[in-house]
């Protein structure tokens, strides 16, 4: 029989940094991981910016995106709050 189309999920882990310093932190991590210049690496900023940053991946068919925190453990509460806001905004679209 034919498998349910939703049974196969395309998953991706994506670096995520909340806050105003997100672009610098993502750029530094991309350099550390030797991501080619001009390559996309992660999402960050406000919940709205992160949600917008996920759009190209979702449009490409990635239907399970795990946001991977970068930075010190002291920033984990901010990351968790951001991820919750992003999830809520995606759940209503």
PDB file of N, CA and C in Angstrom:
ATOM      1  N   UNK A   1       0.809  -1.176   0.000  1.00  0.00           N
ATOM      2  CA  UNK A   1       0.000   0.000   0.000  1.00  0.00           C
ATOM      3  C   UNK A   1       0.861   1.251   0.000  1.00  0.00           C
ATOM      4  N   UNK A   2       0.220   2.317  -0.264  1.00  0.00           N
ATOM      5  CA  UNK A   2       0.913   3.602  -0.301  1.00  0.00           C
ATOM      6  C   UNK A   2       1.074   4.176   1.107  1.00  0.00           C
ATOM      7  N   UNK A   3       2.271   4.633   1.401  1.00  0.00           N
ATOM      8  CA  UNK A   3       2.538   5.204   2.727  1.00  0.00           C
ATOM      9  C   UNK A   3       1.863   6.562   2.851  1.00  0.00           C
ATOM     10  N   UNK A   4       1.457   6.883   4.065  1.00  0.00           N
ATOM     11  CA  UNK A   4       0.891   8.199   4.346  1.00  0.00           C
ATOM     12  C   UNK A   4       1.941   9.266   4.020  1.00  0.00           C
ATOM     13  N   UNK A   5       1.582  10.288   3.274  1.00  0.00           N
ATOM     14  CA  UNK A   5       2.523  11.326   2.848  1.00  0.00           C
ATOM     15  C   UNK A   5       3.149  12.044   4.030  1.00  0.00           C
ATOM     16  N   UNK A   6       2.443  12.130   5.159  1.00  0.00           N
ATOM     17  CA  UNK A   6       2.979  12.833   6.319  1.00  0.00           C
ATOM     18  C   UNK A   6       3.872  11.943   7.172  1.00  0.00           C
ATOM     19  N   UNK A   7       3.945  10.651   6.846  1.00  0.00           N
ATOM     20  CA  UNK A   7       4.740   9.737   7.650  1.00  0.00           C
ATOM     21  C   UNK A   7       6.234  10.038   7.518  1.00  0.00           C
ATOM     22  N   UNK A   8       6.664  10.532   6.360  1.00  0.00           N
ATOM     23  CA  UNK A   8       8.064  10.885   6.165  1.00  0.00           C
ATOM     24  C   UNK A   8       8.237  12.367   6.442  1.00  0.00           C
ATOM     25  N   UNK A   9       9.121  12.680   7.363  1.00  0.00           N
ATOM     26  CA  UNK A   9       9.359  14.070   7.716  1.00  0.00           C
ATOM     27  C   UNK A   9      10.797  14.433   7.396  1.00  0.00           C
ATOM     28  N   UNK A  10      11.011  15.582   6.826  1.00  0.00           N
ATOM     29  CA  UNK A  10      12.344  16.086   6.552  1.00  0.00           C
ATOM     30  C   UNK A  10      12.747  16.967   7.728  1.00  0.00           C
ATOM     31  N   UNK A  11      13.767  16.529   8.457  1.00  0.00           N
ATOM     32  CA  UNK A  11      14.169  17.242   9.673  1.00  0.00           C
ATOM     33  C   UNK A  11      15.493  17.959   9.464  1.00  0.00           C
ATOM     34  N   UNK A  12      15.685  19.017  10.244  1.00  0.00           N
ATOM     35  CA  UNK A  12      16.911  19.799  10.160  1.00  0.00           C
ATOM     36  C   UNK A  12      17.190  20.442  11.510  1.00  0.00           C
ATOM     37  N   UNK A  13      18.459  20.421  11.920  1.00  0.00           N
ATOM     38  CA  UNK A  13      18.896  21.156  13.100  1.00  0.00           C
ATOM     39  C   UNK A  13      19.455  22.479  12.609  1.00  0.00           C
ATOM     40  N   UNK A  14      19.023  23.571  13.221  1.00  0.00           N
ATOM     41  CA  UNK A  14      19.398  24.893  12.764  1.00  0.00           C
ATOM     42  C   UNK A  14      19.851  25.731  13.955  1.00  0.00           C
ATOM     43  N   UNK A  15      21.067  26.280  13.867  1.00  0.00           N
ATOM     44  CA  UNK A  15      21.594  27.126  14.939  1.00  0.00           C
ATOM     45  C   UNK A  15      20.673  28.325  15.140  1.00  0.00           C
ATOM     46  N   UNK A  16      20.483  28.702  16.399  1.00  0.00           N
ATOM     47  CA  UNK A  16      19.580  29.805  16.724  1.00  0.00           C
ATOM     48  C   UNK A  16      20.134  30.587  17.910  1.00  0.00           C
ATOM     49  N   UNK A  17      20.142  31.914  17.752  1.00  0.00           N
ATOM     50  CA  UNK A  17      20.634  32.802  18.810  1.00  0.00           C
ATOM     51  C   UNK A  17      19.614  33.915  19.015  1.00  0.00           C
ATOM     52  N   UNK A  18      19.072  34.070  20.228  1.00  0.00           N
ATOM     53  CA  UNK A  18      18.174  35.187  20.484  1.00  0.00           C
ATOM     54  C   UNK A  18      18.943  36.476  20.721  1.00  0.00           C
ATOM     55  N   UNK A  19      18.275  37.606  20.491  1.00  0.00           N
ATOM     56  CA  UNK A  19      18.823  38.893  20.896  1.00  0.00           C
ATOM     57  C   UNK A  19      19.505  39.691  19.817  1.00  0.00           C
ATOM     58  N   UNK A  20      19.920  40.880  20.232  1.00  0.00           N
ATOM     59  CA  UNK A  20      20.507  41.865  19.325  1.00  0.00           C
ATOM     60  C   UNK A  20      21.870  41.447  18.770  1.00  0.00           C
ATOM     61  N   UNK A  21      22.577  40.584  19.480  1.00  0.00           N
ATOM     62  CA  UNK A  21      23.932  40.188  19.084  1.00  0.00           C
ATOM     63  C   UNK A  21      23.927  38.919  18.217  1.00  0.00           C
ATOM     64  N   UNK A  22      22.755  38.490  17.784  1.00  0.00           N
ATOM     65  CA  UNK A  22      22.620  37.218  17.070  1.00  0.00           C
ATOM     66  C   UNK A  22      23.458  37.154  15.804  1.00  0.00           C
ATOM     67  N   UNK A  23      23.411  38.184  14.989  1.00  0.00           N
ATOM     68  CA  UNK A  23      24.134  38.154  13.708  1.00  0.00           C
ATOM     69  C   UNK A  23      25.634  37.966  13.935  1.00  0.00           C
ATOM     70  N   UNK A  24      26.200  38.651  14.911  1.00  0.00           N
ATOM     71  CA  UNK A  24      27.632  38.517  15.187  1.00  0.00           C
ATOM     72  C   UNK A  24      27.969  37.112  15.676  1.00  0.00           C
ATOM     73  N   UNK A  25      27.142  36.587  16.586  1.00  0.00           N
ATOM     74  CA  UNK A  25      27.406  35.249  17.120  1.00  0.00           C
ATOM     75  C   UNK A  25      27.274  34.180  16.034  1.00  0.00           C
ATOM     76  N   UNK A  26      26.256  34.298  15.184  1.00  0.00           N
ATOM     77  CA  UNK A  26      26.074  33.331  14.101  1.00  0.00           C
ATOM     78  C   UNK A  26      27.224  33.411  13.102  1.00  0.00           C
ATOM     79  N   UNK A  27      27.673  34.627  12.803  1.00  0.00           N
ATOM     80  CA  UNK A  27      28.785  34.816  11.883  1.00  0.00           C
ATOM     81  C   UNK A  27      30.068  34.201  12.446  1.00  0.00           C
ATOM     82  N   UNK A  28      30.326  34.412  13.730  1.00  0.00           N
ATOM     83  CA  UNK A  28      31.514  33.848  14.374  1.00  0.00           C
ATOM     84  C   UNK A  28      31.464  32.322  14.361  1.00  0.00           C
ATOM     85  N   UNK A  29      30.303  31.754  14.619  1.00  0.00           N
ATOM     86  CA  UNK A  29      30.163  30.297  14.622  1.00  0.00           C
ATOM     87  C   UNK A  29      30.309  29.742  13.209  1.00  0.00           C
ATOM     88  N   UNK A  30      29.772  30.433  12.211  1.00  0.00           N
ATOM     89  CA  UNK A  30      29.909  29.995  10.819  1.00  0.00           C
ATOM     90  C   UNK A  30      31.387  29.980  10.428  1.00  0.00           C
ATOM     91  N   UNK A  31      32.126  30.994  10.851  1.00  0.00           N
ATOM     92  CA  UNK A  31      33.557  31.052  10.568  1.00  0.00           C
ATOM     93  C   UNK A  31      34.277  29.894  11.265  1.00  0.00           C
ATOM     94  N   UNK A  32      33.921  29.665  12.514  1.00  0.00           N
ATOM     95  CA  UNK A  32      34.546  28.571  13.284  1.00  0.00           C
ATOM     96  C   UNK A  32      34.290  27.225  12.616  1.00  0.00           C
ATOM     97  N   UNK A  33      33.079  27.030  12.066  1.00  0.00           N
ATOM     98  CA  UNK A  33      32.725  25.764  11.427  1.00  0.00           C
ATOM     99  C   UNK A  33      33.082  25.736   9.935  1.00  0.00           C
ATOM    100  N   UNK A  34      33.752  26.787   9.472  1.00  0.00           N
ATOM    101  CA  UNK A  34      34.225  26.877   8.091  1.00  0.00           C
ATOM    102  C   UNK A  34      33.092  26.786   7.066  1.00  0.00           C
ATOM    103  N   UNK A  35      31.971  27.448   7.369  1.00  0.00           N
ATOM    104  CA  UNK A  35      30.866  27.552   6.415  1.00  0.00           C
ATOM    105  C   UNK A  35      31.339  28.470   5.290  1.00  0.00           C
ATOM    106  N   UNK A  36      31.147  28.083   4.027  1.00  0.00           N
ATOM    107  CA  UNK A  36      31.601  28.928   2.915  1.00  0.00           C
ATOM    108  C   UNK A  36      31.039  30.344   3.019  1.00  0.00           C
ATOM    109  N   UNK A  37      31.844  31.327   2.622  1.00  0.00           N
ATOM    110  CA  UNK A  37      31.421  32.726   2.634  1.00  0.00           C
ATOM    111  C   UNK A  37      30.134  32.879   1.833  1.00  0.00           C
ATOM    112  N   UNK A  38      29.193  33.582   2.396  1.00  0.00           N
ATOM    113  CA  UNK A  38      27.913  33.782   1.724  1.00  0.00           C
ATOM    114  C   UNK A  38      26.909  32.678   2.016  1.00  0.00           C
ATOM    115  N   UNK A  39      27.354  31.616   2.683  1.00  0.00           N
ATOM    116  CA  UNK A  39      26.439  30.533   3.027  1.00  0.00           C
ATOM    117  C   UNK A  39      25.538  30.939   4.169  1.00  0.00           C
ATOM    118  N   UNK A  40      24.347  30.404   4.193  1.00  0.00           N
ATOM    119  CA  UNK A  40      23.428  30.683   5.288  1.00  0.00           C
ATOM    120  C   UNK A  40      23.822  29.851   6.493  1.00  0.00           C
ATOM    121  N   UNK A  41      23.760  30.449   7.656  1.00  0.00           N
ATOM    122  CA  UNK A  41      24.061  29.713   8.879  1.00  0.00           C
ATOM    123  C   UNK A  41      23.163  30.218   9.988  1.00  0.00           C
ATOM    124  N   UNK A  42      22.152  29.456  10.305  1.00  0.00           N
ATOM    125  CA  UNK A  42      21.313  29.731  11.452  1.00  0.00           C
ATOM    126  C   UNK A  42      20.355  30.897  11.311  1.00  0.00           C
ATOM    127  N   UNK A  43      19.636  31.104  12.393  1.00  0.00           N
ATOM    128  CA  UNK A  43      18.650  32.180  12.500  1.00  0.00           C
ATOM    129  C   UNK A  43      18.824  32.837  13.859  1.00  0.00           C
ATOM    130  N   UNK A  44      18.376  34.088  13.972  1.00  0.00           N
ATOM    131  CA  UNK A  44      18.509  34.741  15.260  1.00  0.00           C
ATOM    132  C   UNK A  44      17.790  36.067  15.321  1.00  0.00           C
ATOM    133  N   UNK A  45      17.864  36.667  16.491  1.00  0.00           N
ATOM    134  CA  UNK A  45      17.215  37.952  16.727  1.00  0.00           C
ATOM    135  C   UNK A  45      15.956  37.789  17.542  1.00  0.00           C
ATOM    136  N   UNK A  46      14.908  38.474  17.099  1.00  0.00           N
ATOM    137  CA  UNK A  46      13.607  38.404  17.770  1.00  0.00           C
ATOM    138  C   UNK A  46      12.839  37.174  17.280  1.00  0.00           C
ATOM    139  N   UNK A  47      11.732  36.872  17.934  1.00  0.00           N
ATOM    140  CA  UNK A  47      10.895  35.749  17.500  1.00  0.00           C
ATOM    141  C   UNK A  47      10.413  35.964  16.065  1.00  0.00           C
ATOM    142  N   UNK A  48      10.085  37.205  15.730  1.00  0.00           N
ATOM    143  CA  UNK A  48       9.623  37.503  14.372  1.00  0.00           C
ATOM    144  C   UNK A  48      10.734  37.275  13.351  1.00  0.00           C
ATOM    145  N   UNK A  49      11.966  37.689  13.696  1.00  0.00           N
ATOM    146  CA  UNK A  49      13.097  37.499  12.785  1.00  0.00           C
ATOM    147  C   UNK A  49      13.417  36.014  12.609  1.00  0.00           C
ATOM    148  N   UNK A  50      13.352  35.256  13.685  1.00  0.00           N
ATOM    149  CA  UNK A  50      13.605  33.822  13.599  1.00  0.00           C
ATOM    150  C   UNK A  50      12.532  33.159  12.745  1.00  0.00           C
ATOM    151  N   UNK A  51      11.269  33.509  12.969  1.00  0.00           N
ATOM    152  CA  UNK A  51      10.173  32.936  12.180  1.00  0.00           C
ATOM    153  C   UNK A  51      10.373  33.245  10.698  1.00  0.00           C
ATOM    154  N   UNK A  52      10.733  34.489  10.374  1.00  0.00           N
ATOM    155  CA  UNK A  52      11.009  34.854   8.979  1.00  0.00           C
ATOM    156  C   UNK A  52      12.193  34.067   8.434  1.00  0.00           C
ATOM    157  N   UNK A  53      13.208  33.850   9.265  1.00  0.00           N
ATOM    158  CA  UNK A  53      14.391  33.110   8.849  1.00  0.00           C
ATOM    159  C   UNK A  53      14.114  31.646   8.563  1.00  0.00           C
ATOM    160  N   UNK A  54      13.072  31.105   9.181  1.00  0.00           N
ATOM    161  CA  UNK A  54      12.702  29.702   8.950  1.00  0.00           C
ATOM    162  C   UNK A  54      11.946  29.513   7.641  1.00  0.00           C
ATOM    163  N   UNK A  55      11.358  30.578   7.110  1.00  0.00           N
ATOM    164  CA  UNK A  55      10.504  30.473   5.926  1.00  0.00           C
ATOM    165  C   UNK A  55      11.173  29.776   4.742  1.00  0.00           C
ATOM    166  N   UNK A  56      12.417  30.124   4.366  1.00  0.00           N
ATOM    167  CA  UNK A  56      13.020  29.455   3.210  1.00  0.00           C
ATOM    168  C   UNK A  56      13.174  27.943   3.405  1.00  0.00           C
ATOM    169  N   UNK A  57      13.467  27.526   4.634  1.00  0.00           N
ATOM    170  CA  UNK A  57      13.616  26.097   4.917  1.00  0.00           C
ATOM    171  C   UNK A  57      12.265  25.387   4.830  1.00  0.00           C
ATOM    172  N   UNK A  58      11.252  26.021   5.388  1.00  0.00           N
ATOM    173  CA  UNK A  58       9.905  25.439   5.347  1.00  0.00           C
ATOM    174  C   UNK A  58       9.392  25.395   3.910  1.00  0.00           C
ATOM    175  N   UNK A  59       9.667  26.458   3.136  1.00  0.00           N
ATOM    176  CA  UNK A  59       9.257  26.486   1.731  1.00  0.00           C
ATOM    177  C   UNK A  59       9.953  25.398   0.918  1.00  0.00           C
ATOM    178  N   UNK A  60      11.168  25.026   1.333  1.00  0.00           N
ATOM    179  CA  UNK A  60      11.928  23.989   0.633  1.00  0.00           C
ATOM    180  C   UNK A  60      11.478  22.589   1.027  1.00  0.00           C
ATOM    181  N   UNK A  61      10.525  22.497   1.971  1.00  0.00           N
ATOM    182  CA  UNK A  61       9.989  21.195   2.344  1.00  0.00           C
ATOM    183  C   UNK A  61      10.480  20.637   3.662  1.00  0.00           C
ATOM    184  N   UNK A  62      11.296  21.386   4.388  1.00  0.00           N
ATOM    185  CA  UNK A  62      11.716  20.932   5.714  1.00  0.00           C
ATOM    186  C   UNK A  62      10.531  21.134   6.647  1.00  0.00           C
ATOM    187  N   UNK A  63       9.999  20.038   7.185  1.00  0.00           N
ATOM    188  CA  UNK A  63       8.798  20.181   8.003  1.00  0.00           C
ATOM    189  C   UNK A  63       9.033  19.876   9.480  1.00  0.00           C
ATOM    190  N   UNK A  64      10.281  19.651   9.867  1.00  0.00           N
ATOM    191  CA  UNK A  64      10.616  19.483  11.280  1.00  0.00           C
ATOM    192  C   UNK A  64      11.956  20.181  11.516  1.00  0.00           C
ATOM    193  N   UNK A  65      11.904  21.374  12.090  1.00  0.00           N
ATOM    194  CA  UNK A  65      13.119  22.157  12.333  1.00  0.00           C
ATOM    195  C   UNK A  65      13.371  22.214  13.833  1.00  0.00           C
ATOM    196  N   UNK A  66      14.554  21.727  14.234  1.00  0.00           N
ATOM    197  CA  UNK A  66      14.961  21.791  15.638  1.00  0.00           C
ATOM    198  C   UNK A  66      15.916  22.967  15.789  1.00  0.00           C
ATOM    199  N   UNK A  67      15.537  23.946  16.593  1.00  0.00           N
ATOM    200  CA  UNK A  67      16.402  25.094  16.849  1.00  0.00           C
ATOM    201  C   UNK A  67      17.473  24.682  17.849  1.00  0.00           C
ATOM    202  N   UNK A  68      18.723  24.853  17.467  1.00  0.00           N
ATOM    203  CA  UNK A  68      19.856  24.453  18.294  1.00  0.00           C
ATOM    204  C   UNK A  68      20.485  25.690  18.906  1.00  0.00           C
ATOM    205  N   UNK A  69      20.485  25.811  20.233  1.00  0.00           N
ATOM    206  CA  UNK A  69      21.027  27.016  20.865  1.00  0.00           C
ATOM    207  C   UNK A  69      22.533  27.118  20.724  1.00  0.00           C
ATOM    208  N   UNK A  70      23.017  28.338  20.556  1.00  0.00           N
ATOM    209  CA  UNK A  70      24.447  28.643  20.612  1.00  0.00           C
ATOM    210  C   UNK A  70      24.640  29.558  21.815  1.00  0.00           C
ATOM    211  N   UNK A  71      25.797  29.521  22.384  1.00  0.00           N
ATOM    212  CA  UNK A  71      26.078  30.440  23.472  1.00  0.00           C
ATOM    213  C   UNK A  71      26.072  29.769  24.824  1.00  0.00           C
ATOM    214  N   UNK A  72      26.317  30.557  25.860  1.00  0.00           N
ATOM    215  CA  UNK A  72      26.449  30.024  27.216  1.00  0.00           C
ATOM    216  C   UNK A  72      25.111  29.576  27.800  1.00  0.00           C
ATOM    217  N   UNK A  73      25.209  28.703  28.790  1.00  0.00           N
ATOM    218  CA  UNK A  73      24.004  28.206  29.463  1.00  0.00           C
ATOM    219  C   UNK A  73      23.208  29.326  30.120  1.00  0.00           C
ATOM    220  N   UNK A  74      23.868  30.417  30.475  1.00  0.00           N
ATOM    221  CA  UNK A  74      23.170  31.542  31.111  1.00  0.00           C
ATOM    222  C   UNK A  74      22.091  32.119  30.196  1.00  0.00           C
ATOM    223  N   UNK A  75      22.226  31.928  28.891  1.00  0.00           N
ATOM    224  CA  UNK A  75      21.244  32.439  27.949  1.00  0.00           C
ATOM    225  C   UNK A  75      20.144  31.454  27.605  1.00  0.00           C
ATOM    226  N   UNK A  76      20.127  30.302  28.275  1.00  0.00           N
ATOM    227  CA  UNK A  76      19.162  29.256  27.922  1.00  0.00           C
ATOM    228  C   UNK A  76      17.716  29.680  28.173  1.00  0.00           C
ATOM    229  N   UNK A  77      17.436  30.398  29.235  1.00  0.00           N
ATOM    230  CA  UNK A  77      16.057  30.827  29.516  1.00  0.00           C
ATOM    231  C   UNK A  77      15.549  31.726  28.394  1.00  0.00           C
ATOM    232  N   UNK A  78      16.403  32.629  27.909  1.00  0.00           N
ATOM    233  CA  UNK A  78      16.016  33.510  26.808  1.00  0.00           C
ATOM    234  C   UNK A  78      15.777  32.698  25.534  1.00  0.00           C
ATOM    235  N   UNK A  79      16.647  31.699  25.291  1.00  0.00           N
ATOM    236  CA  UNK A  79      16.481  30.847  24.115  1.00  0.00           C
ATOM    237  C   UNK A  79      15.164  30.070  24.174  1.00  0.00           C
ATOM    238  N   UNK A  80      14.867  29.495  25.325  1.00  0.00           N
ATOM    239  CA  UNK A  80      13.633  28.706  25.482  1.00  0.00           C
ATOM    240  C   UNK A  80      12.407  29.585  25.279  1.00  0.00           C
ATOM    241  N   UNK A  81      12.436  30.796  25.822  1.00  0.00           N
ATOM    242  CA  UNK A  81      11.312  31.726  25.643  1.00  0.00           C
ATOM    243  C   UNK A  81      11.150  32.081  24.164  1.00  0.00           C
ATOM    244  N   UNK A  82      12.262  32.338  23.485  1.00  0.00           N
ATOM    245  CA  UNK A  82      12.221  32.662  22.057  1.00  0.00           C
ATOM    246  C   UNK A  82      11.647  31.489  21.269  1.00  0.00           C
ATOM    247  N   UNK A  83      12.137  30.288  21.525  1.00  0.00           N
ATOM    248  CA  UNK A  83      11.648  29.104  20.805  1.00  0.00           C
ATOM    249  C   UNK A  83      10.150  28.912  21.027  1.00  0.00           C
ATOM    250  N   UNK A  84       9.677  29.176  22.231  1.00  0.00           N
ATOM    251  CA  UNK A  84       8.244  29.070  22.507  1.00  0.00           C
ATOM    252  C   UNK A  84       7.427  30.066  21.707  1.00  0.00           C
ATOM    253  N   UNK A  85       7.925  31.300  21.594  1.00  0.00           N
ATOM    254  CA  UNK A  85       7.215  32.318  20.808  1.00  0.00           C
ATOM    255  C   UNK A  85       7.215  31.959  19.322  1.00  0.00           C
ATOM    256  N   UNK A  86       8.342  31.431  18.827  1.00  0.00           N
ATOM    257  CA  UNK A  86       8.412  31.021  17.420  1.00  0.00           C
ATOM    258  C   UNK A  86       7.428  29.887  17.167  1.00  0.00           C
ATOM    259  N   UNK A  87       7.416  28.913  18.061  1.00  0.00           N
ATOM    260  CA  UNK A  87       6.495  27.773  17.905  1.00  0.00           C
ATOM    261  C   UNK A  87       5.041  28.251  17.888  1.00  0.00           C
ATOM    262  N   UNK A  88       4.717  29.147  18.792  1.00  0.00           N
ATOM    263  CA  UNK A  88       3.341  29.676  18.838  1.00  0.00           C
ATOM    264  C   UNK A  88       2.982  30.384  17.557  1.00  0.00           C
ATOM    265  N   UNK A  89       3.897  31.175  17.015  1.00  0.00           N
ATOM    266  CA  UNK A  89       3.590  31.913  15.783  1.00  0.00           C
ATOM    267  C   UNK A  89       3.451  30.950  14.604  1.00  0.00           C
ATOM    268  N   UNK A  90       4.222  29.879  14.572  1.00  0.00           N
ATOM    269  CA  UNK A  90       4.103  28.913  13.479  1.00  0.00           C
ATOM    270  C   UNK A  90       2.835  28.068  13.607  1.00  0.00           C
ATOM    271  N   UNK A  91       2.405  27.834  14.824  1.00  0.00           N
ATOM    272  CA  UNK A  91       1.208  27.020  15.059  1.00  0.00           C
ATOM    273  C   UNK A  91      -0.070  27.735  14.620  1.00  0.00           C
ATOM    274  N   UNK A  92      -0.013  29.050  14.536  1.00  0.00           N
ATOM    275  CA  UNK A  92      -1.210  29.810  14.161  1.00  0.00           C
ATOM    276  C   UNK A  92      -1.256  30.145  12.677  1.00  0.00           C
ATOM    277  N   UNK A  93      -0.217  29.714  11.915  1.00  0.00           N
ATOM    278  CA  UNK A  93      -0.198  30.015  10.473  1.00  0.00           C
ATOM    279  C   UNK A  93      -0.660  28.831   9.670  1.00  0.00           C
TER     280      UNK A  93
END
